[in-house]
Amino acid sequence: EIDSVFLEIGESGRQQLKYGLMLCLLKVYTPFDVHQYVFIGRPSTFYCSRGEEKLTDKCFDNKVASCTNLTFVEDTMVSEWGLVCDNNWLSKATMSSLMLGFLIGALMLGNLADRIGRKSNLVFTLIGMLFFNLVSAFTSQYSVYIMSRFCVGFFVSGNILSTVVLMSEIVGPSYRGIYGLAVMGSFPIGIMLLSYVASHI
């Protein structure tokens, strides 16, 4: 029984606090992967021109192709690929792709963590998150972007599973509630940090 071992050696100490802090920092980073759409996919004022006619925040016949000139006030994912009017759904599809990645990642990476260990799975998923975030940041193609968002969701899901379970495994039963609360409470802290960073960039 692992709990009896913890009672002998101590349920929480300096090393557990270090590991716990690192896992909390990983959880703080998670919203930067998950909620970035709120900022990079936000609605932006745009102008659709055709000859002498000009519309604001709408297209002729609700079709992007009807605009001979499409200009945006802000630089976002929406302006980069013209995801307005009849192409508006493509913007929402990026979040759906992320959520599909969550679903498949949860089904597959939980079992992988049982086989290779939580720590190995944590490192593997973190590398996957970082790599595909870089891909999504630098690609100029929508198809590559949506696939990279799927992969980010896939690896984030496995990372969260490993983080939460590992946090409960490094301490004794008396401290699992506190450590679990700390790691779950790190997520809203990450959301606040993301909001602050996004508002100052």
Protein backbone atom coordinates (compact mmCIF):
# COMPACT_ATOMS: atom_id res chain seq x y z
CA GLU A 1 0.00 0.00 0.00
CA ILE A 2 1.57 3.25 -1.14
CA ASP A 3 -0.32 5.24 1.51
CA SER A 4 1.34 3.30 4.32
CA VAL A 5 4.74 4.10 2.79
CA PHE A 6 3.90 7.82 2.81
CA LEU A 7 2.90 7.57 6.46
CA GLU A 8 6.35 6.16 7.19
CA ILE A 9 8.47 8.58 5.13
CA GLY A 10 6.25 11.66 5.40
CA GLU A 11 3.25 12.70 3.37
CA SER A 12 4.59 16.04 2.20
CA GLY A 13 8.04 17.58 2.30
CA ARG A 14 10.37 19.94 0.45
CA GLN A 15 10.67 17.67 -2.60
CA GLN A 16 6.91 17.26 -2.94
CA LEU A 17 6.49 21.02 -2.71
CA LYS A 18 9.02 21.49 -5.55
CA TYR A 19 7.29 18.92 -7.75
CA GLY A 20 3.90 20.38 -6.86
CA LEU A 21 5.02 23.88 -7.82
CA MET A 22 6.33 22.68 -11.18
CA LEU A 23 3.07 20.87 -11.91
CA CYS A 24 1.12 24.00 -10.96
CA LEU A 25 3.25 26.06 -13.37
CA LEU A 26 2.42 23.58 -16.14
CA LYS A 27 -1.25 24.02 -15.33
CA VAL A 28 -0.85 27.82 -15.45
CA TYR A 29 0.48 27.44 -19.00
CA THR A 30 -2.52 25.37 -20.18
CA PRO A 31 -4.94 28.31 -20.77
CA PHE A 32 -2.38 29.84 -23.13
CA ASP A 33 -3.03 26.81 -25.35
CA VAL A 34 -6.75 26.47 -24.81
CA HIS A 35 -8.15 30.02 -24.64
CA GLN A 36 -5.99 31.91 -27.12
CA TYR A 37 -8.88 31.81 -29.62
CA VAL A 38 -10.70 34.44 -27.54
CA PHE A 39 -7.99 36.91 -28.56
CA ILE A 40 -6.68 35.79 -31.95
CA GLY A 41 -10.14 34.90 -33.29
CA ARG A 42 -12.00 37.90 -31.90
CA PRO A 43 -14.44 39.78 -34.18
CA SER A 44 -12.86 42.77 -35.89
CA THR A 45 -14.40 45.61 -37.87
CA PHE A 46 -13.98 45.05 -41.59
CA TYR A 47 -14.92 46.80 -44.82
CA CYS A 48 -16.15 45.09 -47.96
CA SER A 49 -15.82 47.12 -51.16
CA ARG A 50 -17.17 46.48 -54.65
CA GLY A 51 -16.76 49.27 -57.12
CA GLU A 52 -18.15 52.44 -55.53
CA GLU A 53 -20.12 50.50 -52.93
CA LYS A 54 -18.71 49.88 -49.46
CA LEU A 55 -20.19 47.90 -46.57
CA THR A 56 -19.10 47.77 -42.94
CA ASP A 57 -19.03 44.43 -41.08
CA LYS A 58 -20.97 42.63 -43.80
CA CYS A 59 -20.51 41.35 -47.35
CA PHE A 60 -22.58 41.62 -50.49
CA ASP A 61 -24.89 38.57 -50.60
CA ASN A 62 -23.10 37.49 -47.38
CA LYS A 63 -20.21 36.15 -49.49
CA VAL A 64 -16.53 37.04 -49.12
CA ALA A 65 -16.05 36.38 -52.84
CA SER A 66 -18.39 39.29 -53.62
CA CYS A 67 -15.87 41.76 -52.14
CA THR A 68 -13.26 43.06 -54.55
CA ASN A 69 -11.46 44.57 -51.58
CA LEU A 70 -11.69 43.29 -47.99
CA THR A 71 -9.90 45.30 -45.30
CA PHE A 72 -9.74 44.82 -41.54
CA VAL A 73 -9.07 47.22 -38.69
CA GLU A 74 -7.07 44.68 -36.65
CA ASP A 75 -4.62 41.92 -37.48
CA THR A 76 -6.09 38.64 -36.24
CA MET A 77 -6.59 35.12 -37.49
CA VAL A 78 -9.91 36.33 -38.92
CA SER A 79 -8.26 39.05 -41.00
CA GLU A 80 -5.39 36.81 -42.13
CA TRP A 81 -7.70 34.30 -43.83
CA GLY A 82 -10.80 36.45 -44.34
CA LEU A 83 -12.96 34.39 -41.99
CA VAL A 84 -16.09 36.53 -42.17
CA CYS A 85 -19.55 36.28 -43.74
CA ASP A 86 -19.91 32.85 -45.40
CA ASN A 87 -16.42 31.88 -44.14
CA ASN A 88 -17.20 32.77 -40.53
CA TRP A 89 -17.76 29.11 -39.60
CA LEU A 90 -14.12 28.34 -40.45
CA SER A 91 -13.05 30.50 -37.52
CA LYS A 92 -15.28 28.53 -35.13
CA ALA A 93 -14.05 25.26 -36.64
CA THR A 94 -10.59 25.87 -35.16
CA MET A 95 -12.04 25.62 -31.64
CA SER A 96 -14.05 22.53 -32.62
CA SER A 97 -10.83 20.98 -33.91
CA LEU A 98 -9.15 21.68 -30.56
CA MET A 99 -12.04 20.07 -28.66
CA LEU A 100 -11.95 17.00 -30.92
CA GLY A 101 -8.26 16.72 -30.07
CA PHE A 102 -9.19 16.85 -26.37
CA LEU A 103 -11.60 13.96 -26.80
CA ILE A 104 -9.24 11.68 -28.70
CA GLY A 105 -6.27 12.63 -26.51
CA ALA A 106 -8.18 11.75 -23.34
CA LEU A 107 -9.11 8.36 -24.77
CA MET A 108 -5.59 7.49 -25.94
CA LEU A 109 -3.06 9.26 -23.73
CA GLY A 110 -4.55 8.14 -20.42
CA ASN A 111 -3.79 4.54 -21.36
CA LEU A 112 -0.34 5.54 -22.64
CA ALA A 113 0.46 7.13 -19.27
CA ASP A 114 -0.43 3.85 -17.54
CA ARG A 115 2.05 2.02 -19.77
CA ILE A 116 5.02 4.41 -19.93
CA GLY A 117 4.53 6.26 -16.64
CA ARG A 118 3.12 9.68 -15.74
CA LYS A 119 6.44 11.51 -15.90
CA SER A 120 7.33 10.21 -19.37
CA ASN A 121 3.83 10.98 -20.60
CA LEU A 122 4.05 14.47 -19.09
CA VAL A 123 7.30 15.23 -20.94
CA PHE A 124 5.99 13.70 -24.18
CA THR A 125 2.76 15.72 -24.13
CA LEU A 126 4.54 18.94 -23.14
CA ILE A 127 6.91 18.62 -26.12
CA GLY A 128 3.90 17.95 -28.37
CA MET A 129 2.07 21.01 -27.03
CA LEU A 130 5.06 23.30 -27.54
CA PHE A 131 5.85 21.99 -31.02
CA PHE A 132 2.33 22.26 -32.42
CA ASN A 133 1.82 25.66 -30.79
CA LEU A 134 4.87 26.85 -32.71
CA VAL A 135 3.46 25.36 -35.90
CA SER A 136 0.12 27.13 -35.38
CA ALA A 137 1.90 30.41 -34.61
CA PHE A 138 4.02 30.49 -37.76
CA THR A 139 1.93 28.77 -40.43
CA SER A 140 0.36 30.86 -43.18
CA GLN A 141 -2.05 28.10 -44.26
CA TYR A 142 -5.44 27.59 -42.67
CA SER A 143 -5.40 23.80 -43.20
CA VAL A 144 -2.08 23.49 -41.35
CA TYR A 145 -3.38 25.75 -38.58
CA ILE A 146 -6.54 23.72 -37.96
CA MET A 147 -4.56 20.45 -37.89
CA SER A 148 -2.05 21.93 -35.46
CA ARG A 149 -4.90 23.05 -33.19
CA PHE A 150 -6.23 19.48 -33.21
CA CYS A 151 -2.78 18.22 -32.20
CA VAL A 152 -2.50 20.86 -29.46
CA GLY A 153 -5.83 19.68 -28.03
CA PHE A 154 -4.68 16.06 -28.28
CA PHE A 155 -1.50 16.71 -26.26
CA VAL A 156 -3.08 19.18 -23.80
CA SER A 157 -5.65 16.55 -22.84
CA GLY A 158 -2.95 13.99 -22.05
CA ASN A 159 -0.89 16.60 -20.24
CA ILE A 160 -3.77 17.57 -17.96
CA LEU A 161 -4.50 13.93 -17.12
CA SER A 162 -0.89 13.25 -16.20
CA THR A 163 -0.55 16.47 -14.21
CA VAL A 164 -3.61 15.88 -12.04
CA VAL A 165 -2.89 12.19 -11.39
CA LEU A 166 0.83 12.78 -10.76
CA MET A 167 -0.02 15.52 -8.28
CA SER A 168 -2.12 13.10 -6.25
CA GLU A 169 0.54 10.38 -6.41
CA ILE A 170 3.47 12.38 -5.02
CA VAL A 171 1.86 13.10 -1.62
CA GLY A 172 0.16 11.17 1.14
CA PRO A 173 -3.61 10.95 1.56
CA SER A 174 -3.85 13.85 4.02
CA TYR A 175 -2.39 16.30 1.47
CA ARG A 176 -4.06 15.14 -1.74
CA GLY A 177 -6.98 17.53 -1.34
CA ILE A 178 -4.71 20.56 -0.82
CA TYR A 179 -2.33 19.66 -3.66
CA GLY A 180 -5.25 18.85 -5.97
CA LEU A 181 -6.88 22.18 -5.15
CA ALA A 182 -3.59 23.97 -5.85
CA VAL A 183 -3.13 22.38 -9.28
CA MET A 184 -6.75 22.96 -10.32
CA GLY A 185 -6.61 26.53 -8.99
CA SER A 186 -3.60 27.18 -11.21
CA PHE A 187 -5.80 27.06 -14.32
CA PRO A 188 -7.79 30.26 -13.55
CA ILE A 189 -4.50 31.95 -12.62
CA GLY A 190 -3.30 31.07 -16.12
CA ILE A 191 -6.47 32.58 -17.59
CA MET A 192 -5.83 35.84 -15.73
CA LEU A 193 -2.21 35.90 -16.91
CA LEU A 194 -3.27 35.24 -20.49
CA SER A 195 -5.80 38.09 -20.29
CA TYR A 196 -3.14 40.44 -18.93
CA VAL A 197 -0.55 39.46 -21.56
CA ALA A 198 -3.08 39.67 -24.40
CA SER A 199 -4.25 43.14 -23.32
CA HIS A 200 -0.68 44.46 -23.31
CA ILE A 201 0.48 43.09 -26.67
